[in-house]
Amino acid sequence: MRRSLTRHERLRGRQDIENVFHRGSAYRCRGLAMKCSENGLTWSRVLVVSPRSVGKAVRRNRLRRIGKEIFRTIKYAVCDGYDFVFVVYPGDYSFGARRQQFIRVLSDANLLTIL
């Protein structure tokens, strides 16, 4: 299994994203919200976004990059066949604290196999 996020593992396409937002289950903790729904594929896809209220594009993109890197490092432990949309909110969190947020919402949804 590749450790990077491949093109197929990125959630793209307006219809797919709207499907997750309208039909997906929601989970949240302080600093992070997650929507997920089954996608009928044998792999999971992910999208990390940050709201415009975060600030300028540089800050929003940094939050997105951190979120994608965290998911990339724990994707081996996530159940396959789901689409995920993570909404990363601003805050003074370290990388480790952000990682714990991702693990918490995924475990709340019972989508972690190990960790």
PDB file of N, CA and C in Angstrom:
ATOM      1  N   MET A   1       0.837  -1.174   0.000  1.00  0.00           N
ATOM      2  CA  MET A   1       0.000   0.000   0.000  1.00  0.00           C
ATOM      3  C   MET A   1       0.885   1.243   0.000  1.00  0.00           C
ATOM      4  N   ARG A   2       0.578   2.167  -0.879  1.00  0.00           N
ATOM      5  CA  ARG A   2       1.336   3.406  -0.929  1.00  0.00           C
ATOM      6  C   ARG A   2       0.991   4.272   0.264  1.00  0.00           C
ATOM      7  N   ARG A   3       1.966   4.990   0.771  1.00  0.00           N
ATOM      8  CA  ARG A   3       1.757   5.834   1.941  1.00  0.00           C
ATOM      9  C   ARG A   3       1.310   7.243   1.569  1.00  0.00           C
ATOM     10  N   SER A   4       1.359   7.592   0.297  1.00  0.00           N
ATOM     11  CA  SER A   4       0.952   8.933  -0.109  1.00  0.00           C
ATOM     12  C   SER A   4      -0.527   8.928  -0.506  1.00  0.00           C
ATOM     13  N   LEU A   5      -1.104  10.124  -0.610  1.00  0.00           N
ATOM     14  CA  LEU A   5      -2.473  10.235  -1.105  1.00  0.00           C
ATOM     15  C   LEU A   5      -2.425  10.245  -2.624  1.00  0.00           C
ATOM     16  N   THR A   6      -2.956   9.214  -3.222  1.00  0.00           N
ATOM     17  CA  THR A   6      -2.957   9.135  -4.674  1.00  0.00           C
ATOM     18  C   THR A   6      -4.109   9.956  -5.241  1.00  0.00           C
ATOM     19  N   ARG A   7      -4.125  10.084  -6.533  1.00  0.00           N
ATOM     20  CA  ARG A   7      -5.187  10.838  -7.194  1.00  0.00           C
ATOM     21  C   ARG A   7      -6.562  10.228  -6.912  1.00  0.00           C
ATOM     22  N   HIS A   8      -6.630   8.907  -6.837  1.00  0.00           N
ATOM     23  CA  HIS A   8      -7.906   8.233  -6.592  1.00  0.00           C
ATOM     24  C   HIS A   8      -8.380   8.388  -5.148  1.00  0.00           C
ATOM     25  N   GLU A   9      -7.470   8.692  -4.253  1.00  0.00           N
ATOM     26  CA  GLU A   9      -7.828   8.837  -2.841  1.00  0.00           C
ATOM     27  C   GLU A   9      -8.266  10.251  -2.477  1.00  0.00           C
ATOM     28  N   ARG A  10      -8.220  11.161  -3.421  1.00  0.00           N
ATOM     29  CA  ARG A  10      -8.685  12.517  -3.180  1.00  0.00           C
ATOM     30  C   ARG A  10     -10.118  12.647  -3.667  1.00  0.00           C
ATOM     31  N   LEU A  11     -10.966  13.176  -2.823  1.00  0.00           N
ATOM     32  CA  LEU A  11     -12.376  13.365  -3.176  1.00  0.00           C
ATOM     33  C   LEU A  11     -12.482  14.619  -4.031  1.00  0.00           C
ATOM     34  N   ARG A  12     -12.932  14.431  -5.267  1.00  0.00           N
ATOM     35  CA  ARG A  12     -13.082  15.535  -6.186  1.00  0.00           C
ATOM     36  C   ARG A  12     -14.431  15.386  -6.874  1.00  0.00           C
ATOM     37  N   GLY A  13     -14.869  16.414  -7.482  1.00  0.00           N
ATOM     38  CA  GLY A  13     -16.138  16.368  -8.193  1.00  0.00           C
ATOM     39  C   GLY A  13     -17.261  16.902  -7.330  1.00  0.00           C
ATOM     40  N   ARG A  14     -17.977  17.828  -7.877  1.00  0.00           N
ATOM     41  CA  ARG A  14     -19.034  18.512  -7.140  1.00  0.00           C
ATOM     42  C   ARG A  14     -20.106  17.552  -6.634  1.00  0.00           C
ATOM     43  N   GLN A  15     -20.521  16.617  -7.455  1.00  0.00           N
ATOM     44  CA  GLN A  15     -21.590  15.696  -7.079  1.00  0.00           C
ATOM     45  C   GLN A  15     -21.169  14.811  -5.909  1.00  0.00           C
ATOM     46  N   ASP A  16     -19.942  14.316  -5.929  1.00  0.00           N
ATOM     47  CA  ASP A  16     -19.456  13.475  -4.841  1.00  0.00           C
ATOM     48  C   ASP A  16     -19.382  14.255  -3.529  1.00  0.00           C
ATOM     49  N   ILE A  17     -18.911  15.479  -3.599  1.00  0.00           N
ATOM     50  CA  ILE A  17     -18.788  16.303  -2.396  1.00  0.00           C
ATOM     51  C   ILE A  17     -20.164  16.643  -1.842  1.00  0.00           C
ATOM     52  N   GLU A  18     -21.093  17.014  -2.703  1.00  0.00           N
ATOM     53  CA  GLU A  18     -22.453  17.321  -2.251  1.00  0.00           C
ATOM     54  C   GLU A  18     -23.124  16.091  -1.653  1.00  0.00           C
ATOM     55  N   ASN A  19     -22.843  14.926  -2.205  1.00  0.00           N
ATOM     56  CA  ASN A  19     -23.399  13.685  -1.676  1.00  0.00           C
ATOM     57  C   ASN A  19     -22.951  13.467  -0.231  1.00  0.00           C
ATOM     58  N   VAL A  20     -21.683  13.717   0.044  1.00  0.00           N
ATOM     59  CA  VAL A  20     -21.175  13.541   1.403  1.00  0.00           C
ATOM     60  C   VAL A  20     -21.819  14.552   2.343  1.00  0.00           C
ATOM     61  N   PHE A  21     -21.929  15.811   1.918  1.00  0.00           N
ATOM     62  CA  PHE A  21     -22.496  16.835   2.784  1.00  0.00           C
ATOM     63  C   PHE A  21     -23.980  16.618   3.049  1.00  0.00           C
ATOM     64  N   HIS A  22     -24.719  16.111   2.063  1.00  0.00           N
ATOM     65  CA  HIS A  22     -26.164  15.955   2.241  1.00  0.00           C
ATOM     66  C   HIS A  22     -26.552  14.620   2.858  1.00  0.00           C
ATOM     67  N   ARG A  23     -25.832  13.553   2.556  1.00  0.00           N
ATOM     68  CA  ARG A  23     -26.224  12.225   3.023  1.00  0.00           C
ATOM     69  C   ARG A  23     -25.305  11.638   4.075  1.00  0.00           C
ATOM     70  N   GLY A  24     -24.204  12.315   4.350  1.00  0.00           N
ATOM     71  CA  GLY A  24     -23.204  11.766   5.253  1.00  0.00           C
ATOM     72  C   GLY A  24     -23.533  11.967   6.723  1.00  0.00           C
ATOM     73  N   SER A  25     -22.885  11.180   7.548  1.00  0.00           N
ATOM     74  CA  SER A  25     -23.001  11.310   8.997  1.00  0.00           C
ATOM     75  C   SER A  25     -21.981  12.330   9.473  1.00  0.00           C
ATOM     76  N   ALA A  26     -22.332  13.087  10.501  1.00  0.00           N
ATOM     77  CA  ALA A  26     -21.467  14.158  10.989  1.00  0.00           C
ATOM     78  C   ALA A  26     -20.906  13.800  12.363  1.00  0.00           C
ATOM     79  N   TYR A  27     -19.636  14.109  12.544  1.00  0.00           N
ATOM     80  CA  TYR A  27     -18.945  13.927  13.817  1.00  0.00           C
ATOM     81  C   TYR A  27     -18.055  15.140  14.004  1.00  0.00           C
ATOM     82  N   ARG A  28     -17.905  15.565  15.261  1.00  0.00           N
ATOM     83  CA  ARG A  28     -17.070  16.728  15.497  1.00  0.00           C
ATOM     84  C   ARG A  28     -16.436  16.704  16.866  1.00  0.00           C
ATOM     85  N   CYS A  29     -15.356  17.422  16.967  1.00  0.00           N
ATOM     86  CA  CYS A  29     -14.706  17.693  18.239  1.00  0.00           C
ATOM     87  C   CYS A  29     -14.180  19.123  18.139  1.00  0.00           C
ATOM     88  N   ARG A  30     -13.590  19.606  19.187  1.00  0.00           N
ATOM     89  CA  ARG A  30     -13.095  20.980  19.180  1.00  0.00           C
ATOM     90  C   ARG A  30     -12.004  21.125  18.113  1.00  0.00           C
ATOM     91  N   GLY A  31     -12.233  22.008  17.149  1.00  0.00           N
ATOM     92  CA  GLY A  31     -11.250  22.271  16.110  1.00  0.00           C
ATOM     93  C   GLY A  31     -11.405  21.468  14.834  1.00  0.00           C
ATOM     94  N   LEU A  32     -12.336  20.490  14.814  1.00  0.00           N
ATOM     95  CA  LEU A  32     -12.442  19.630  13.635  1.00  0.00           C
ATOM     96  C   LEU A  32     -13.860  19.079  13.521  1.00  0.00           C
ATOM     97  N   ALA A  33     -14.344  19.040  12.290  1.00  0.00           N
ATOM     98  CA  ALA A  33     -15.628  18.404  12.003  1.00  0.00           C
ATOM     99  C   ALA A  33     -15.410  17.427  10.849  1.00  0.00           C
ATOM    100  N   MET A  34     -16.160  16.337  10.861  1.00  0.00           N
ATOM    101  CA  MET A  34     -16.014  15.339   9.810  1.00  0.00           C
ATOM    102  C   MET A  34     -17.391  14.908   9.329  1.00  0.00           C
ATOM    103  N   LYS A  35     -17.533  14.793   8.026  1.00  0.00           N
ATOM    104  CA  LYS A  35     -18.705  14.191   7.403  1.00  0.00           C
ATOM    105  C   LYS A  35     -18.209  12.977   6.643  1.00  0.00           C
ATOM    106  N   CYS A  36     -18.932  11.875   6.737  1.00  0.00           N
ATOM    107  CA  CYS A  36     -18.499  10.676   6.013  1.00  0.00           C
ATOM    108  C   CYS A  36     -19.721   9.937   5.485  1.00  0.00           C
ATOM    109  N   SER A  37     -19.529   9.269   4.375  1.00  0.00           N
ATOM    110  CA  SER A  37     -20.570   8.426   3.800  1.00  0.00           C
ATOM    111  C   SER A  37     -19.896   7.315   3.002  1.00  0.00           C
ATOM    112  N   GLU A  38     -20.610   6.219   2.831  1.00  0.00           N
ATOM    113  CA  GLU A  38     -20.070   5.103   2.059  1.00  0.00           C
ATOM    114  C   GLU A  38     -20.028   5.486   0.585  1.00  0.00           C
ATOM    115  N   ASN A  39     -18.993   5.001  -0.105  1.00  0.00           N
ATOM    116  CA  ASN A  39     -18.845   5.381  -1.509  1.00  0.00           C
ATOM    117  C   ASN A  39     -18.964   4.204  -2.480  1.00  0.00           C
ATOM    118  N   GLY A  40     -19.066   2.974  -1.991  1.00  0.00           N
ATOM    119  CA  GLY A  40     -19.205   1.825  -2.869  1.00  0.00           C
ATOM    120  C   GLY A  40     -17.929   1.424  -3.582  1.00  0.00           C
ATOM    121  N   LEU A  41     -16.810   1.980  -3.207  1.00  0.00           N
ATOM    122  CA  LEU A  41     -15.522   1.644  -3.801  1.00  0.00           C
ATOM    123  C   LEU A  41     -14.727   0.798  -2.819  1.00  0.00           C
ATOM    124  N   THR A  42     -13.602   0.288  -3.259  1.00  0.00           N
ATOM    125  CA  THR A  42     -12.771  -0.523  -2.364  1.00  0.00           C
ATOM    126  C   THR A  42     -11.707   0.314  -1.664  1.00  0.00           C
ATOM    127  N   TRP A  43     -11.721   1.622  -1.858  1.00  0.00           N
ATOM    128  CA  TRP A  43     -10.788   2.506  -1.176  1.00  0.00           C
ATOM    129  C   TRP A  43     -11.550   3.724  -0.664  1.00  0.00           C
ATOM    130  N   SER A  44     -10.933   4.435   0.242  1.00  0.00           N
ATOM    131  CA  SER A  44     -11.532   5.645   0.804  1.00  0.00           C
ATOM    132  C   SER A  44     -10.984   6.874   0.102  1.00  0.00           C
ATOM    133  N   ARG A  45     -11.815   7.914   0.062  1.00  0.00           N
ATOM    134  CA  ARG A  45     -11.405   9.189  -0.521  1.00  0.00           C
ATOM    135  C   ARG A  45     -11.544  10.272   0.540  1.00  0.00           C
ATOM    136  N   VAL A  46     -10.716  11.292   0.441  1.00  0.00           N
ATOM    137  CA  VAL A  46     -10.695  12.323   1.474  1.00  0.00           C
ATOM    138  C   VAL A  46     -10.636  13.716   0.852  1.00  0.00           C
ATOM    139  N   LEU A  47     -11.263  14.666   1.548  1.00  0.00           N
ATOM    140  CA  LEU A  47     -11.210  16.077   1.204  1.00  0.00           C
ATOM    141  C   LEU A  47     -11.033  16.831   2.509  1.00  0.00           C
ATOM    142  N   VAL A  48     -10.069  17.726   2.557  1.00  0.00           N
ATOM    143  CA  VAL A  48      -9.828  18.545   3.741  1.00  0.00           C
ATOM    144  C   VAL A  48     -10.065  19.992   3.343  1.00  0.00           C
ATOM    145  N   VAL A  49     -10.946  20.677   4.073  1.00  0.00           N
ATOM    146  CA  VAL A  49     -11.264  22.072   3.782  1.00  0.00           C
ATOM    147  C   VAL A  49     -11.147  22.886   5.058  1.00  0.00           C
ATOM    148  N   SER A  50     -11.028  24.190   4.894  1.00  0.00           N
ATOM    149  CA  SER A  50     -11.067  25.111   6.017  1.00  0.00           C
ATOM    150  C   SER A  50     -11.966  26.270   5.619  1.00  0.00           C
ATOM    151  N   PRO A  51     -12.765  26.762   6.549  1.00  0.00           N
ATOM    152  CA  PRO A  51     -13.717  27.821   6.210  1.00  0.00           C
ATOM    153  C   PRO A  51     -13.017  29.152   5.925  1.00  0.00           C
ATOM    154  N   ARG A  52     -13.681  30.001   5.197  1.00  0.00           N
ATOM    155  CA  ARG A  52     -13.112  31.297   4.851  1.00  0.00           C
ATOM    156  C   ARG A  52     -12.903  32.183   6.069  1.00  0.00           C
ATOM    157  N   SER A  53     -13.613  31.883   7.153  1.00  0.00           N
ATOM    158  CA  SER A  53     -13.456  32.682   8.368  1.00  0.00           C
ATOM    159  C   SER A  53     -12.089  32.486   9.013  1.00  0.00           C
ATOM    160  N   VAL A  54     -11.334  31.495   8.537  1.00  0.00           N
ATOM    161  CA  VAL A  54     -10.001  31.231   9.082  1.00  0.00           C
ATOM    162  C   VAL A  54      -9.068  32.392   8.791  1.00  0.00           C
ATOM    163  N   GLY A  55      -9.183  32.976   7.627  1.00  0.00           N
ATOM    164  CA  GLY A  55      -8.300  34.081   7.267  1.00  0.00           C
ATOM    165  C   GLY A  55      -7.947  34.028   5.807  1.00  0.00           C
ATOM    166  N   LYS A  56      -6.757  34.488   5.515  1.00  0.00           N
ATOM    167  CA  LYS A  56      -6.305  34.543   4.131  1.00  0.00           C
ATOM    168  C   LYS A  56      -5.965  33.155   3.611  1.00  0.00           C
ATOM    169  N   ALA A  57      -5.762  33.061   2.303  1.00  0.00           N
ATOM    170  CA  ALA A  57      -5.552  31.776   1.637  1.00  0.00           C
ATOM    171  C   ALA A  57      -4.317  31.044   2.152  1.00  0.00           C
ATOM    172  N   VAL A  58      -3.281  31.767   2.524  1.00  0.00           N
ATOM    173  CA  VAL A  58      -2.056  31.128   3.009  1.00  0.00           C
ATOM    174  C   VAL A  58      -2.349  30.311   4.258  1.00  0.00           C
ATOM    175  N   ARG A  59      -3.096  30.879   5.176  1.00  0.00           N
ATOM    176  CA  ARG A  59      -3.423  30.173   6.424  1.00  0.00           C
ATOM    177  C   ARG A  59      -4.372  29.003   6.172  1.00  0.00           C
ATOM    178  N   ARG A  60      -5.382  29.215   5.320  1.00  0.00           N
ATOM    179  CA  ARG A  60      -6.318  28.139   5.003  1.00  0.00           C
ATOM    180  C   ARG A  60      -5.593  26.968   4.338  1.00  0.00           C
ATOM    181  N   ASN A  61      -4.687  27.264   3.413  1.00  0.00           N
ATOM    182  CA  ASN A  61      -3.953  26.203   2.725  1.00  0.00           C
ATOM    183  C   ASN A  61      -3.030  25.458   3.669  1.00  0.00           C
ATOM    184  N   ARG A  62      -2.441  26.154   4.634  1.00  0.00           N
ATOM    185  CA  ARG A  62      -1.591  25.471   5.612  1.00  0.00           C
ATOM    186  C   ARG A  62      -2.406  24.485   6.430  1.00  0.00           C
ATOM    187  N   LEU A  63      -3.600  24.889   6.862  1.00  0.00           N
ATOM    188  CA  LEU A  63      -4.469  23.974   7.605  1.00  0.00           C
ATOM    189  C   LEU A  63      -4.850  22.769   6.755  1.00  0.00           C
ATOM    190  N   ARG A  64      -5.104  22.999   5.475  1.00  0.00           N
ATOM    191  CA  ARG A  64      -5.439  21.890   4.575  1.00  0.00           C
ATOM    192  C   ARG A  64      -4.265  20.937   4.415  1.00  0.00           C
ATOM    193  N   ARG A  65      -3.070  21.470   4.230  1.00  0.00           N
ATOM    194  CA  ARG A  65      -1.887  20.621   4.073  1.00  0.00           C
ATOM    195  C   ARG A  65      -1.632  19.785   5.317  1.00  0.00           C
ATOM    196  N   ILE A  66      -1.795  20.397   6.483  1.00  0.00           N
ATOM    197  CA  ILE A  66      -1.603  19.661   7.735  1.00  0.00           C
ATOM    198  C   ILE A  66      -2.639  18.548   7.843  1.00  0.00           C
ATOM    199  N   GLY A  67      -3.887  18.855   7.518  1.00  0.00           N
ATOM    200  CA  GLY A  67      -4.943  17.847   7.581  1.00  0.00           C
ATOM    201  C   GLY A  67      -4.708  16.688   6.626  1.00  0.00           C
ATOM    202  N   LYS A  68      -4.271  16.980   5.407  1.00  0.00           N
ATOM    203  CA  LYS A  68      -3.997  15.909   4.440  1.00  0.00           C
ATOM    204  C   LYS A  68      -2.813  15.052   4.877  1.00  0.00           C
ATOM    205  N   GLU A  69      -1.810  15.680   5.457  1.00  0.00           N
ATOM    206  CA  GLU A  69      -0.653  14.929   5.933  1.00  0.00           C
ATOM    207  C   GLU A  69      -1.048  14.005   7.089  1.00  0.00           C
ATOM    208  N   ILE A  70      -1.889  14.492   7.982  1.00  0.00           N
ATOM    209  CA  ILE A  70      -2.340  13.654   9.095  1.00  0.00           C
ATOM    210  C   ILE A  70      -3.128  12.465   8.569  1.00  0.00           C
ATOM    211  N   PHE A  71      -4.045  12.705   7.641  1.00  0.00           N
ATOM    212  CA  PHE A  71      -4.820  11.587   7.102  1.00  0.00           C
ATOM    213  C   PHE A  71      -3.910  10.613   6.366  1.00  0.00           C
ATOM    214  N   ARG A  72      -2.920  11.134   5.655  1.00  0.00           N
ATOM    215  CA  ARG A  72      -1.991  10.267   4.937  1.00  0.00           C
ATOM    216  C   ARG A  72      -1.252   9.337   5.892  1.00  0.00           C
ATOM    217  N   THR A  73      -0.893   9.840   7.068  1.00  0.00           N
ATOM    218  CA  THR A  73      -0.130   9.013   8.005  1.00  0.00           C
ATOM    219  C   THR A  73      -0.988   7.989   8.729  1.00  0.00           C
ATOM    220  N   ILE A  74      -2.311   8.195   8.782  1.00  0.00           N
ATOM    221  CA  ILE A  74      -3.164   7.226   9.486  1.00  0.00           C
ATOM    222  C   ILE A  74      -4.111   6.483   8.561  1.00  0.00           C
ATOM    223  N   LYS A  75      -3.963   6.643   7.249  1.00  0.00           N
ATOM    224  CA  LYS A  75      -4.923   6.026   6.325  1.00  0.00           C
ATOM    225  C   LYS A  75      -4.876   4.503   6.354  1.00  0.00           C
ATOM    226  N   TYR A  76      -3.757   3.923   6.761  1.00  0.00           N
ATOM    227  CA  TYR A  76      -3.671   2.464   6.851  1.00  0.00           C
ATOM    228  C   TYR A  76      -4.613   1.919   7.923  1.00  0.00           C
ATOM    229  N   ALA A  77      -5.003   2.752   8.891  1.00  0.00           N
ATOM    230  CA  ALA A  77      -5.851   2.310   9.992  1.00  0.00           C
ATOM    231  C   ALA A  77      -7.322   2.645   9.773  1.00  0.00           C
ATOM    232  N   VAL A  78      -7.657   3.314   8.671  1.00  0.00           N
ATOM    233  CA  VAL A  78      -9.029   3.748   8.408  1.00  0.00           C
ATOM    234  C   VAL A  78      -9.729   2.707   7.540  1.00  0.00           C
ATOM    235  N   CYS A  79     -10.987   2.435   7.831  1.00  0.00           N
ATOM    236  CA  CYS A  79     -11.777   1.485   7.051  1.00  0.00           C
ATOM    237  C   CYS A  79     -11.900   1.966   5.602  1.00  0.00           C
ATOM    238  N   ASP A  80     -11.892   1.015   4.689  1.00  0.00           N
ATOM    239  CA  ASP A  80     -12.013   1.334   3.269  1.00  0.00           C
ATOM    240  C   ASP A  80     -13.482   1.470   2.874  1.00  0.00           C
ATOM    241  N   GLY A  81     -13.716   2.175   1.759  1.00  0.00           N
ATOM    242  CA  GLY A  81     -15.059   2.283   1.211  1.00  0.00           C
ATOM    243  C   GLY A  81     -15.843   3.483   1.695  1.00  0.00           C
ATOM    244  N   TYR A  82     -15.160   4.533   2.155  1.00  0.00           N
ATOM    245  CA  TYR A  82     -15.844   5.726   2.655  1.00  0.00           C
ATOM    246  C   TYR A  82     -15.290   6.974   2.000  1.00  0.00           C
ATOM    247  N   ASP A  83     -16.154   7.990   1.908  1.00  0.00           N
ATOM    248  CA  ASP A  83     -15.733   9.332   1.522  1.00  0.00           C
ATOM    249  C   ASP A  83     -15.717  10.182   2.781  1.00  0.00           C
ATOM    250  N   PHE A  84     -14.642  10.917   2.978  1.00  0.00           N
ATOM    251  CA  PHE A  84     -14.502  11.766   4.162  1.00  0.00           C
ATOM    252  C   PHE A  84     -14.329  13.210   3.742  1.00  0.00           C
ATOM    253  N   VAL A  85     -15.011  14.103   4.455  1.00  0.00           N
ATOM    254  CA  VAL A  85     -14.768  15.533   4.329  1.00  0.00           C
ATOM    255  C   VAL A  85     -14.441  16.029   5.729  1.00  0.00           C
ATOM    256  N   PHE A  86     -13.220  16.536   5.893  1.00  0.00           N
ATOM    257  CA  PHE A  86     -12.783  17.090   7.171  1.00  0.00           C
ATOM    258  C   PHE A  86     -12.798  18.603   7.058  1.00  0.00           C
ATOM    259  N   VAL A  87     -13.448  19.265   8.008  1.00  0.00           N
ATOM    260  CA  VAL A  87     -13.449  20.721   8.077  1.00  0.00           C
ATOM    261  C   VAL A  87     -12.558  21.100   9.249  1.00  0.00           C
ATOM    262  N   VAL A  88     -11.426  21.727   8.954  1.00  0.00           N
ATOM    263  CA  VAL A  88     -10.429  22.062   9.959  1.00  0.00           C
ATOM    264  C   VAL A  88     -10.625  23.518  10.372  1.00  0.00           C
ATOM    265  N   TYR A  89     -10.897  23.749  11.646  1.00  0.00           N
ATOM    266  CA  TYR A  89     -11.118  25.089  12.169  1.00  0.00           C
ATOM    267  C   TYR A  89      -9.832  25.632  12.777  1.00  0.00           C
ATOM    268  N   PRO A  90      -9.695  26.949  12.835  1.00  0.00           N
ATOM    269  CA  PRO A  90      -8.452  27.525  13.355  1.00  0.00           C
ATOM    270  C   PRO A  90      -8.326  27.315  14.858  1.00  0.00           C
ATOM    271  N   GLY A  91      -7.118  27.385  15.305  1.00  0.00           N
ATOM    272  CA  GLY A  91      -6.835  27.258  16.718  1.00  0.00           C
ATOM    273  C   GLY A  91      -5.343  27.089  16.900  1.00  0.00           C
ATOM    274  N   ASP A  92      -4.901  27.230  18.112  1.00  0.00           N
ATOM    275  CA  ASP A  92      -3.485  27.125  18.411  1.00  0.00           C
ATOM    276  C   ASP A  92      -3.161  25.680  18.780  1.00  0.00           C
ATOM    277  N   TYR A  93      -3.261  24.775  17.795  1.00  0.00           N
ATOM    278  CA  TYR A  93      -3.036  23.350  18.007  1.00  0.00           C
ATOM    279  C   TYR A  93      -1.713  22.925  17.386  1.00  0.00           C
ATOM    280  N   SER A  94      -1.006  22.063  18.071  1.00  0.00           N
ATOM    281  CA  SER A  94       0.213  21.489  17.495  1.00  0.00           C
ATOM    282  C   SER A  94      -0.181  20.380  16.521  1.00  0.00           C
ATOM    283  N   PHE A  95       0.813  19.874  15.797  1.00  0.00           N
ATOM    284  CA  PHE A  95       0.560  18.791  14.859  1.00  0.00           C
ATOM    285  C   PHE A  95       0.023  17.564  15.599  1.00  0.00           C
ATOM    286  N   GLY A  96       0.584  17.265  16.755  1.00  0.00           N
ATOM    287  CA  GLY A  96       0.136  16.113  17.543  1.00  0.00           C
ATOM    288  C   GLY A  96      -1.291  16.273  18.035  1.00  0.00           C
ATOM    289  N   ALA A  97      -1.653  17.494  18.419  1.00  0.00           N
ATOM    290  CA  ALA A  97      -3.026  17.743  18.878  1.00  0.00           C
ATOM    291  C   ALA A  97      -4.010  17.594  17.721  1.00  0.00           C
ATOM    292  N   ARG A  98      -3.621  18.087  16.546  1.00  0.00           N
ATOM    293  CA  ARG A  98      -4.481  17.921  15.366  1.00  0.00           C
ATOM    294  C   ARG A  98      -4.638  16.441  15.026  1.00  0.00           C
ATOM    295  N   ARG A  99      -3.552  15.689  15.137  1.00  0.00           N
ATOM    296  CA  ARG A  99      -3.618  14.252  14.848  1.00  0.00           C
ATOM    297  C   ARG A  99      -4.587  13.566  15.804  1.00  0.00           C
ATOM    298  N   GLN A 100      -4.555  13.937  17.070  1.00  0.00           N
ATOM    299  CA  GLN A 100      -5.476  13.366  18.055  1.00  0.00           C
ATOM    300  C   GLN A 100      -6.929  13.714  17.720  1.00  0.00           C
ATOM    301  N   GLN A 101      -7.164  14.907  17.177  1.00  0.00           N
ATOM    302  CA  GLN A 101      -8.513  15.288  16.764  1.00  0.00           C
ATOM    303  C   GLN A 101      -9.003  14.373  15.647  1.00  0.00           C
ATOM    304  N   PHE A 102      -8.161  14.112  14.665  1.00  0.00           N
ATOM    305  CA  PHE A 102      -8.536  13.228  13.566  1.00  0.00           C
ATOM    306  C   PHE A 102      -8.826  11.827  14.095  1.00  0.00           C
ATOM    307  N   ILE A 103      -7.968  11.335  14.960  1.00  0.00           N
ATOM    308  CA  ILE A 103      -8.165   9.994  15.525  1.00  0.00           C
ATOM    309  C   ILE A 103      -9.455   9.942  16.333  1.00  0.00           C
ATOM    310  N   ARG A 104      -9.741  11.003  17.056  1.00  0.00           N
ATOM    311  CA  ARG A 104     -10.951  11.014  17.890  1.00  0.00           C
ATOM    312  C   ARG A 104     -12.228  10.959  17.054  1.00  0.00           C
ATOM    313  N   VAL A 105     -12.331  11.787  16.017  1.00  0.00           N
ATOM    314  CA  VAL A 105     -13.564  11.775  15.225  1.00  0.00           C
ATOM    315  C   VAL A 105     -13.700  10.474  14.445  1.00  0.00           C
ATOM    316  N   LEU A 106     -12.590   9.911  13.976  1.00  0.00           N
ATOM    317  CA  LEU A 106     -12.662   8.631  13.268  1.00  0.00           C
ATOM    318  C   LEU A 106     -13.048   7.495  14.217  1.00  0.00           C
ATOM    319  N   SER A 107     -12.560   7.534  15.435  1.00  0.00           N
ATOM    320  CA  SER A 107     -12.936   6.485  16.387  1.00  0.00           C
ATOM    321  C   SER A 107     -14.370   6.673  16.865  1.00  0.00           C
ATOM    322  N   ASP A 108     -14.846   7.919  16.964  1.00  0.00           N
ATOM    323  CA  ASP A 108     -16.257   8.158  17.302  1.00  0.00           C
ATOM    324  C   ASP A 108     -17.176   7.559  16.242  1.00  0.00           C
ATOM    325  N   ALA A 109     -16.723   7.566  14.997  1.00  0.00           N
ATOM    326  CA  ALA A 109     -17.504   7.010  13.895  1.00  0.00           C
ATOM    327  C   ALA A 109     -17.265   5.520  13.717  1.00  0.00           C
ATOM    328  N   ASN A 110     -16.424   4.910  14.551  1.00  0.00           N
ATOM    329  CA  ASN A 110     -16.073   3.479  14.469  1.00  0.00           C
ATOM    330  C   ASN A 110     -15.480   3.132  13.113  1.00  0.00           C
ATOM    331  N   LEU A 111     -14.597   3.985  12.616  1.00  0.00           N
ATOM    332  CA  LEU A 111     -13.990   3.753  11.310  1.00  0.00           C
ATOM    333  C   LEU A 111     -12.491   3.487  11.398  1.00  0.00           C
ATOM    334  N   LEU A 112     -11.975   3.300  12.588  1.00  0.00           N
ATOM    335  CA  LEU A 112     -10.566   2.945  12.758  1.00  0.00           C
ATOM    336  C   LEU A 112     -10.457   1.452  12.994  1.00  0.00           C
ATOM    337  N   THR A 113      -9.567   0.789  12.262  1.00  0.00           N
ATOM    338  CA  THR A 113      -9.371  -0.634  12.458  1.00  0.00           C
ATOM    339  C   THR A 113      -8.342  -0.902  13.533  1.00  0.00           C
ATOM    340  N   ILE A 114      -7.292  -0.096  13.550  1.00  0.00           N
ATOM    341  CA  ILE A 114      -6.251  -0.207  14.578  1.00  0.00           C
ATOM    342  C   ILE A 114      -5.790   1.190  14.959  1.00  0.00           C
ATOM    343  N   LEU A 115      -5.045   1.336  16.000  1.00  0.00           N
ATOM    344  CA  LEU A 115      -4.410   2.563  16.516  1.00  0.00           C
ATOM    345  C   LEU A 115      -4.619   2.670  17.970  1.00  0.00           C
TER     346      LEU A 115
END
